[in-house]
């Protein structure tokens, strides 16, 4: 059997779609860059600068879960519990409307010293095969209380990490 396919090609002004695509790509790159800068400030314990970078990333990304979680961890490090709870509520509300990585919620509730809930989210992340779970062993955003819990080492072993 022979299938004949006809292609209909018509002249199209490609300049406008290309311009829009480039603007979108630039926005993605700017958001990624801002988030990377914020993460670097966090690791360097330059929390005020991290907040500025995370806030900028939130502004241009429609309050994406990556910088939102980064803000939670940063405010926790700074001791601003009111802001941590406010942002945590926002993250949980967001998870009811759209996908939010379970690892982000787990780390956020762990920063609030709710380790049982954190491990429930980590179990969910493991079952969902959330790739962010692979960052737990060395991630600077993992609270020490979580690392000290025997369940954490069991989870790392289950993932396949060795001591």
Foldseek 3Di string as FASTA:
>chain_A
DDDDDDDDDDDDDCVVVVVVVVVVVVLVVLLVVLLVVLLVCVVVVVLVSSLVSLVVSCVSVVRDLSSLLSNLLSCLVVVNVVVLVVSLVVLVVVVVVDPDQLQSNLLSVVSVVPNVVSVVSVVVNVVVVPVCNVCPVPDPSRDVVNVPDPVNVVSCVVVPDDD
